[in-house]
C-alpha atoms as a PDB file:
ATOM      1  CA  MET A   1       0.000   0.000   0.000  1.00  0.00           C
ATOM      2  CA  ASP A   2       1.245   3.470  -0.853  1.00  0.00           C
ATOM      3  CA  LYS A   3       2.629   5.463   2.126  1.00  0.00           C
ATOM      4  CA  ASN A   4       1.080   8.654   0.745  1.00  0.00           C
ATOM      5  CA  LEU A   5      -2.268   6.918   0.886  1.00  0.00           C
ATOM      6  CA  LEU A   6      -1.890   6.294   4.607  1.00  0.00           C
ATOM      7  CA  ALA A   7      -0.302   9.686   5.285  1.00  0.00           C
ATOM      8  CA  LYS A   8      -3.519  11.599   4.733  1.00  0.00           C
ATOM      9  CA  PHE A   9      -5.192   9.476   7.438  1.00  0.00           C
ATOM     10  CA  ASP A  10      -2.565  10.200  10.093  1.00  0.00           C
ATOM     11  CA  VAL A  11      -4.439  13.160  11.589  1.00  0.00           C
ATOM     12  CA  ILE A  12      -6.294  10.844  13.953  1.00  0.00           C
ATOM     13  CA  PRO A  13      -4.074   8.357  15.777  1.00  0.00           C
ATOM     14  CA  LYS A  14      -4.763   4.769  14.907  1.00  0.00           C
ATOM     15  CA  PRO A  15      -6.255   2.689  17.740  1.00  0.00           C
ATOM     16  CA  ASN A  16      -3.803   0.618  19.708  1.00  0.00           C
ATOM     17  CA  PRO A  17      -4.965  -3.015  19.847  1.00  0.00           C
ATOM     18  CA  LEU A  18      -2.718  -3.543  22.899  1.00  0.00           C
ATOM     19  CA  LYS A  19      -5.209  -1.457  24.886  1.00  0.00           C
ATOM     20  CA  LEU A  20      -7.662  -4.282  24.477  1.00  0.00           C
ATOM     21  CA  VAL A  21      -8.387  -6.830  27.131  1.00  0.00           C
ATOM     22  CA  THR A  22      -5.219  -7.379  29.163  1.00  0.00           C
ATOM     23  CA  LYS A  23      -6.648  -7.642  32.677  1.00  0.00           C
ATOM     24  CA  PRO A  24     -10.105  -8.654  33.858  1.00  0.00           C
ATOM     25  CA  SER A  25     -10.547  -5.255  35.456  1.00  0.00           C
ATOM     26  CA  ASN A  26      -9.880  -3.521  32.123  1.00  0.00           C
ATOM     27  CA  LYS A  27     -12.201  -5.640  30.026  1.00  0.00           C
ATOM     28  CA  LEU A  28     -15.117  -3.248  30.123  1.00  0.00           C
ATOM     29  CA  PHE A  29     -12.937  -0.339  29.022  1.00  0.00           C
ATOM     30  CA  VAL A  30     -12.661  -1.904  25.581  1.00  0.00           C
ATOM     31  CA  SER A  31     -15.525   0.279  24.408  1.00  0.00           C
ATOM     32  CA  ALA A  32     -13.369   3.385  24.919  1.00  0.00           C
ATOM     33  CA  ILE A  33     -11.462   2.436  21.749  1.00  0.00           C
ATOM     34  CA  VAL A  34     -14.570   2.499  19.547  1.00  0.00           C
ATOM     35  CA  PRO A  35     -14.640   6.318  19.097  1.00  0.00           C
ATOM     36  CA  ASP A  36     -11.098   6.198  17.671  1.00  0.00           C
ATOM     37  CA  HIS A  37     -12.136   3.521  15.192  1.00  0.00           C
ATOM     38  CA  LEU A  38     -15.247   5.522  14.281  1.00  0.00           C
ATOM     39  CA  LYS A  39     -13.230   8.701  13.724  1.00  0.00           C
ATOM     40  CA  TYR A  40     -10.759   6.814  11.566  1.00  0.00           C
ATOM     41  CA  ALA A  41     -13.561   5.178   9.550  1.00  0.00           C
ATOM     42  CA  LEU A  42     -15.236   8.562   9.063  1.00  0.00           C
ATOM     43  CA  GLN A  43     -11.944  10.074   7.990  1.00  0.00           C
ATOM     44  CA  ILE A  44     -11.549   7.272   5.430  1.00  0.00           C
ATOM     45  CA  LEU A  45     -15.042   8.010   4.103  1.00  0.00           C
ATOM     46  CA  VAL A  46     -14.472  11.761   3.890  1.00  0.00           C
ATOM     47  CA  LYS A  47     -10.884  11.911   2.644  1.00  0.00           C
ATOM     48  CA  GLY A  48     -10.480   8.577   0.909  1.00  0.00           C
ATOM     49  CA  SER A  49     -10.884   7.664  -2.690  1.00  0.00           C
ATOM     50  CA  HIS A  50     -13.264   4.939  -3.786  1.00  0.00           C
ATOM     51  CA  GLN A  51     -10.397   2.432  -3.738  1.00  0.00           C
ATOM     52  CA  GLU A  52      -9.268   3.530  -0.273  1.00  0.00           C
ATOM     53  CA  VAL A  53     -12.795   3.244   1.070  1.00  0.00           C
ATOM     54  CA  GLU A  54     -13.166  -0.249  -0.366  1.00  0.00           C
ATOM     55  CA  LEU A  55      -9.793  -1.306   0.973  1.00  0.00           C
ATOM     56  CA  MET A  56      -9.669   0.284   4.430  1.00  0.00           C
ATOM     57  CA  LEU A  57     -13.232   0.855   5.611  1.00  0.00           C
ATOM     58  CA  PRO A  58     -14.196  -2.826   5.978  1.00  0.00           C
ATOM     59  CA  LYS A  59     -11.184  -3.365   8.252  1.00  0.00           C
ATOM     60  CA  GLN A  60     -12.247  -0.518  10.533  1.00  0.00           C
ATOM     61  CA  LEU A  61     -15.856  -1.664  10.583  1.00  0.00           C
ATOM     62  CA  ASN A  62     -14.703  -5.211  11.358  1.00  0.00           C
ATOM     63  CA  LYS A  63     -12.636  -3.901  14.289  1.00  0.00           C
ATOM     64  CA  ILE A  64     -15.683  -2.018  15.596  1.00  0.00           C
ATOM     65  CA  GLN A  65     -17.801  -5.170  15.234  1.00  0.00           C
ATOM     66  CA  ASN A  66     -15.183  -7.232  17.114  1.00  0.00           C
ATOM     67  CA  ILE A  67     -15.131  -4.704  19.957  1.00  0.00           C
ATOM     68  CA  ALA A  68     -18.934  -4.664  20.065  1.00  0.00           C
ATOM     69  CA  ASP A  69     -18.992  -8.477  20.204  1.00  0.00           C
ATOM     70  CA  THR A  70     -16.408  -8.480  22.997  1.00  0.00           C
ATOM     71  CA  CYS A  71     -18.386  -5.899  24.971  1.00  0.00           C
ATOM     72  CA  ARG A  72     -21.604  -7.896  24.489  1.00  0.00           C
ATOM     73  CA  ASP A  73     -19.897 -11.087  25.687  1.00  0.00           C
ATOM     74  CA  LEU A  74     -18.424  -9.303  28.704  1.00  0.00           C
ATOM     75  CA  ALA A  75     -21.794  -7.772  29.545  1.00  0.00           C
ATOM     76  CA  ASN A  76     -23.408 -11.219  29.311  1.00  0.00           C
ATOM     77  CA  ASP A  77     -20.733 -12.626  31.651  1.00  0.00           C
ATOM     78  CA  VAL A  78     -21.367  -9.830  34.147  1.00  0.00           C
ATOM     79  CA  ASP A  79     -25.117 -10.433  33.901  1.00  0.00           C
ATOM     80  CA  GLU A  80     -24.683 -14.169  34.546  1.00  0.00           C
ATOM     81  CA  LYS A  81     -22.453 -13.527  37.559  1.00  0.00           C
ATOM     82  CA  PHE A  82     -24.893 -10.925  38.882  1.00  0.00           C
ATOM     83  CA  GLN A  83     -27.774 -13.411  38.559  1.00  0.00           C
ATOM     84  CA  GLY A  84     -25.700 -15.985  40.444  1.00  0.00           C
ATOM     85  CA  VAL A  85     -25.051 -13.508  43.248  1.00  0.00           C
ATOM     86  CA  MET A  86     -28.728 -12.539  43.378  1.00  0.00           C
ATOM     87  CA  ASN A  87     -29.743 -16.215  43.599  1.00  0.00           C
ATOM     88  CA  LEU A  88     -27.245 -16.754  46.415  1.00  0.00           C
ATOM     89  CA  ILE A  89     -28.570 -13.717  48.298  1.00  0.00           C
ATOM     90  CA  CYS A  90     -32.135 -15.030  47.917  1.00  0.00           C
ATOM     91  CA  GLU A  91     -31.081 -18.414  49.307  1.00  0.00           C
ATOM     92  CA  LEU A  92     -29.313 -16.731  52.232  1.00  0.00           C
ATOM     93  CA  LEU A  93     -32.374 -14.598  53.005  1.00  0.00           C
ATOM     94  CA  GLU A  94     -34.583 -17.662  52.909  1.00  0.00           C
ATOM     95  CA  ALA A  95     -32.207 -19.576  55.194  1.00  0.00           C
ATOM     96  CA  CYS A  96     -32.082 -16.626  57.606  1.00  0.00           C
ATOM     97  CA  ALA A  97     -35.872 -16.409  57.708  1.00  0.00           C
ATOM     98  CA  VAL A  98     -36.141 -20.133  58.480  1.00  0.00           C
ATOM     99  CA  ALA A  99     -33.436 -19.897  61.154  1.00  0.00           C
ATOM    100  CA  GLN A 100     -35.079 -16.836  62.686  1.00  0.00           C
ATOM    101  CA  LYS A 101     -38.384 -18.683  62.969  1.00  0.00           C
ATOM    102  CA  GLU A 102     -36.683 -21.705  64.536  1.00  0.00           C
ATOM    103  CA  TYR A 103     -34.829 -19.512  67.034  1.00  0.00           C
ATOM    104  CA  ALA A 104     -38.022 -17.613  67.828  1.00  0.00           C
ATOM    105  CA  ASP A 105     -39.847 -20.924  68.468  1.00  0.00           C
ATOM    106  CA  LYS A 106     -37.013 -22.146  70.707  1.00  0.00           C
ATOM    107  CA  ASP A 107     -36.965 -18.788  72.504  1.00  0.00           C
ATOM    108  CA  GLU A 108     -40.699 -19.054  73.226  1.00  0.00           C
ATOM    109  CA  LYS A 109     -40.279 -22.623  74.515  1.00  0.00           C
ATOM    110  CA  THR A 110     -37.350 -21.547  76.696  1.00  0.00           C
ATOM    111  CA  LYS A 111     -39.322 -18.621  78.146  1.00  0.00           C
ATOM    112  CA  ALA A 112     -42.261 -20.927  78.854  1.00  0.00           C
ATOM    113  CA  ALA A 113     -39.947 -23.456  80.550  1.00  0.00           C
ATOM    114  CA  ILE A 114     -38.402 -20.684  82.679  1.00  0.00           C
ATOM    115  CA  GLU A 115     -41.857 -19.486  83.755  1.00  0.00           C
ATOM    116  CA  VAL A 116     -42.809 -23.047  84.689  1.00  0.00           C
ATOM    117  CA  LEU A 117     -39.592 -23.427  86.699  1.00  0.00           C
ATOM    118  CA  ILE A 118     -40.226 -20.113  88.460  1.00  0.00           C
ATOM    119  CA  LEU A 119     -43.740 -21.254  89.392  1.00  0.00           C
ATOM    120  CA  ILE A 120     -42.391 -24.588  90.645  1.00  0.00           C
ATOM    121  CA  LEU A 121     -39.694 -22.845  92.702  1.00  0.00           C
ATOM    122  CA  GLN A 122     -42.240 -20.411  94.132  1.00  0.00           C
ATOM    123  CA  SER A 123     -44.556 -23.257  95.102  1.00  0.00           C
ATOM    124  CA  ILE A 124     -41.651 -25.145  96.715  1.00  0.00           C
ATOM    125  CA  LEU A 125     -40.627 -22.047  98.630  1.00  0.00           C
ATOM    126  CA  CYS A 126     -44.187 -21.469  99.776  1.00  0.00           C
ATOM    127  CA  LEU A 127     -44.423 -25.060 101.017  1.00  0.00           C
ATOM    128  CA  HIS A 128     -41.233 -24.693 103.062  1.00  0.00           C
ATOM    129  CA  ASN A 129     -42.343 -21.470 104.673  1.00  0.00           C
END
């Protein structure tokens, strides 16, 4: 490809593919690269000849599509993990509610047993007096 052909597109820096997914924490920042690709594609459309558009535009659009697919996949992964966490929280809440009811029942039985013991002790004390 002719260097003069590429020179007129150097106004906007070309996206760096190394910025793409390198760490899990950076995965969702992939979408920040899309504006650069869009600017470059627009610049190709505006400044490029018919041949340049046919040659270079599909590559830029393919890069944008790949980033969009990656973002969609990452969003789906986040959604699945979020649903898993929500299901776990629901199970924990249900277990807590069951445990609370059991403890409340045991607490009532214990209070009733203490009252019975107090009555028995009072009656024993009254008999000895």
